[in-house]
Amino acid sequence: MDSTTIIAVASIVTAGLATAIGCMIPAVGEGKSVSSALNSIAQQPDAAPTITRTLFVGLAMIESIAIYCFVVSMILIFANPFWNYIIGK
């Protein structure tokens, strides 16, 4: 196996792992956040607007982690900086 094949395989495997972990952990976090928010709203219905606003901010932050993992995996596949180094040799 030549070096370009090794870099290609490592990039694809790493991108797959980044996407898999980047999808699983934020999904679990979002589920727990929504569950906790619904429990809180059920216990204190008067605080629903505040809880909902805080929930949406938290969900946006969690979702940004998933998007960050997606961007990193796309960079590894389509704009890998090691390709230019290996091709330049």
C-alpha atoms as a PDB file:
ATOM      1  CA  MET A   1       0.000   0.000   0.000  1.00  0.00           C
ATOM      2  CA  ASP A   2       1.389   3.394  -0.929  1.00  0.00           C
ATOM      3  CA  SER A   3       1.256   6.490   1.263  1.00  0.00           C
ATOM      4  CA  THR A   4      -1.689   8.101  -0.554  1.00  0.00           C
ATOM      5  CA  THR A   5      -3.831   5.034   0.035  1.00  0.00           C
ATOM      6  CA  ILE A   6      -2.930   4.992   3.717  1.00  0.00           C
ATOM      7  CA  ILE A   7      -3.826   8.673   4.056  1.00  0.00           C
ATOM      8  CA  ALA A   8      -7.088   8.134   2.184  1.00  0.00           C
ATOM      9  CA  VAL A   9      -8.090   5.200   4.385  1.00  0.00           C
ATOM     10  CA  ALA A  10      -7.113   7.053   7.578  1.00  0.00           C
ATOM     11  CA  SER A  11      -9.061  10.128   6.471  1.00  0.00           C
ATOM     12  CA  ILE A  12     -12.195   8.179   5.636  1.00  0.00           C
ATOM     13  CA  VAL A  13     -12.102   6.135   8.845  1.00  0.00           C
ATOM     14  CA  THR A  14     -11.488   9.242  10.950  1.00  0.00           C
ATOM     15  CA  ALA A  15     -14.288  11.122   9.189  1.00  0.00           C
ATOM     16  CA  GLY A  16     -16.631   8.218   9.827  1.00  0.00           C
ATOM     17  CA  LEU A  17     -15.734   8.094  13.505  1.00  0.00           C
ATOM     18  CA  ALA A  18     -16.097  11.868  13.844  1.00  0.00           C
ATOM     19  CA  THR A  19     -19.514  11.754  12.218  1.00  0.00           C
ATOM     20  CA  ALA A  20     -20.660   8.772  14.283  1.00  0.00           C
ATOM     21  CA  ILE A  21     -19.539  10.181  17.620  1.00  0.00           C
ATOM     22  CA  GLY A  22     -20.596  13.678  16.618  1.00  0.00           C
ATOM     23  CA  CYS A  23     -24.121  12.446  15.949  1.00  0.00           C
ATOM     24  CA  MET A  24     -24.554  10.103  18.896  1.00  0.00           C
ATOM     25  CA  ILE A  25     -23.413  12.248  21.799  1.00  0.00           C
ATOM     26  CA  PRO A  26     -25.302  15.449  20.852  1.00  0.00           C
ATOM     27  CA  ALA A  27     -28.435  13.365  20.205  1.00  0.00           C
ATOM     28  CA  VAL A  28     -28.236  11.891  23.703  1.00  0.00           C
ATOM     29  CA  GLY A  29     -27.609  15.351  25.154  1.00  0.00           C
ATOM     30  CA  GLU A  30     -30.573  16.844  23.309  1.00  0.00           C
ATOM     31  CA  GLY A  31     -32.819  14.020  24.485  1.00  0.00           C
ATOM     32  CA  LYS A  32     -31.789  14.486  28.097  1.00  0.00           C
ATOM     33  CA  SER A  33     -32.220  18.262  27.825  1.00  0.00           C
ATOM     34  CA  VAL A  34     -35.727  18.016  26.424  1.00  0.00           C
ATOM     35  CA  SER A  35     -36.654  15.385  28.997  1.00  0.00           C
ATOM     36  CA  SER A  36     -35.407  17.539  31.862  1.00  0.00           C
ATOM     37  CA  ALA A  37     -37.148  20.618  30.472  1.00  0.00           C
ATOM     38  CA  LEU A  38     -40.457  18.790  30.133  1.00  0.00           C
ATOM     39  CA  ASN A  39     -40.164  17.483  33.691  1.00  0.00           C
ATOM     40  CA  SER A  40     -39.409  21.005  34.923  1.00  0.00           C
ATOM     41  CA  ILE A  41     -42.346  22.493  33.018  1.00  0.00           C
ATOM     42  CA  ALA A  42     -44.630  19.783  34.412  1.00  0.00           C
ATOM     43  CA  GLN A  43     -43.543  20.639  37.960  1.00  0.00           C
ATOM     44  CA  GLN A  44     -43.601  24.429  37.534  1.00  0.00           C
ATOM     45  CA  PRO A  45     -45.920  25.503  34.698  1.00  0.00           C
ATOM     46  CA  ASP A  46     -45.492  29.181  35.601  1.00  0.00           C
ATOM     47  CA  ALA A  47     -41.784  29.034  34.691  1.00  0.00           C
ATOM     48  CA  ALA A  48     -42.443  27.545  31.242  1.00  0.00           C
ATOM     49  CA  PRO A  49     -41.320  30.594  29.192  1.00  0.00           C
ATOM     50  CA  THR A  50     -38.009  30.833  31.037  1.00  0.00           C
ATOM     51  CA  ILE A  51     -37.378  27.092  30.848  1.00  0.00           C
ATOM     52  CA  THR A  52     -38.273  27.018  27.159  1.00  0.00           C
ATOM     53  CA  ARG A  53     -35.944  29.907  26.345  1.00  0.00           C
ATOM     54  CA  THR A  54     -33.080  28.295  28.244  1.00  0.00           C
ATOM     55  CA  LEU A  55     -33.826  24.959  26.567  1.00  0.00           C
ATOM     56  CA  PHE A  56     -33.603  26.487  23.091  1.00  0.00           C
ATOM     57  CA  VAL A  57     -30.279  28.163  23.859  1.00  0.00           C
ATOM     58  CA  GLY A  58     -28.931  24.868  25.186  1.00  0.00           C
ATOM     59  CA  LEU A  59     -30.209  22.926  22.189  1.00  0.00           C
ATOM     60  CA  ALA A  60     -28.536  25.415  19.846  1.00  0.00           C
ATOM     61  CA  MET A  61     -25.230  24.977  21.653  1.00  0.00           C
ATOM     62  CA  ILE A  62     -25.524  21.183  21.547  1.00  0.00           C
ATOM     63  CA  GLU A  63     -26.412  21.287  17.855  1.00  0.00           C
ATOM     64  CA  SER A  64     -23.381  23.448  17.142  1.00  0.00           C
ATOM     65  CA  ILE A  65     -21.187  20.623  18.450  1.00  0.00           C
ATOM     66  CA  ALA A  66     -22.771  18.240  15.951  1.00  0.00           C
ATOM     67  CA  ILE A  67     -22.275  20.724  13.128  1.00  0.00           C
ATOM     68  CA  TYR A  68     -18.646  21.203  14.163  1.00  0.00           C
ATOM     69  CA  CYS A  69     -18.054  17.428  13.954  1.00  0.00           C
ATOM     70  CA  PHE A  70     -19.719  17.381  10.523  1.00  0.00           C
ATOM     71  CA  VAL A  71     -17.472  20.195   9.281  1.00  0.00           C
ATOM     72  CA  VAL A  72     -14.353  18.441  10.578  1.00  0.00           C
ATOM     73  CA  SER A  73     -15.338  15.215   8.825  1.00  0.00           C
ATOM     74  CA  MET A  74     -15.991  17.079   5.556  1.00  0.00           C
ATOM     75  CA  ILE A  75     -12.593  18.774   5.823  1.00  0.00           C
ATOM     76  CA  LEU A  76     -10.951  15.379   6.341  1.00  0.00           C
ATOM     77  CA  ILE A  77     -12.626  13.983   3.243  1.00  0.00           C
ATOM     78  CA  PHE A  78     -12.571  16.888   0.787  1.00  0.00           C
ATOM     79  CA  ALA A  79      -9.874  19.330   1.949  1.00  0.00           C
ATOM     80  CA  ASN A  80      -7.362  17.198   3.781  1.00  0.00           C
ATOM     81  CA  PRO A  81      -4.154  19.206   4.282  1.00  0.00           C
ATOM     82  CA  PHE A  82      -2.029  16.062   4.101  1.00  0.00           C
ATOM     83  CA  TRP A  83      -2.992  15.484   0.452  1.00  0.00           C
ATOM     84  CA  ASN A  84      -1.108  18.544  -0.750  1.00  0.00           C
ATOM     85  CA  TYR A  85       1.923  17.529   1.285  1.00  0.00           C
ATOM     86  CA  ILE A  86       1.989  13.992  -0.119  1.00  0.00           C
ATOM     87  CA  ILE A  87       1.229  15.054  -3.682  1.00  0.00           C
ATOM     88  CA  GLY A  88       3.952  17.732  -3.488  1.00  0.00           C
ATOM     89  CA  LYS A  89       6.603  15.121  -2.654  1.00  0.00           C
END
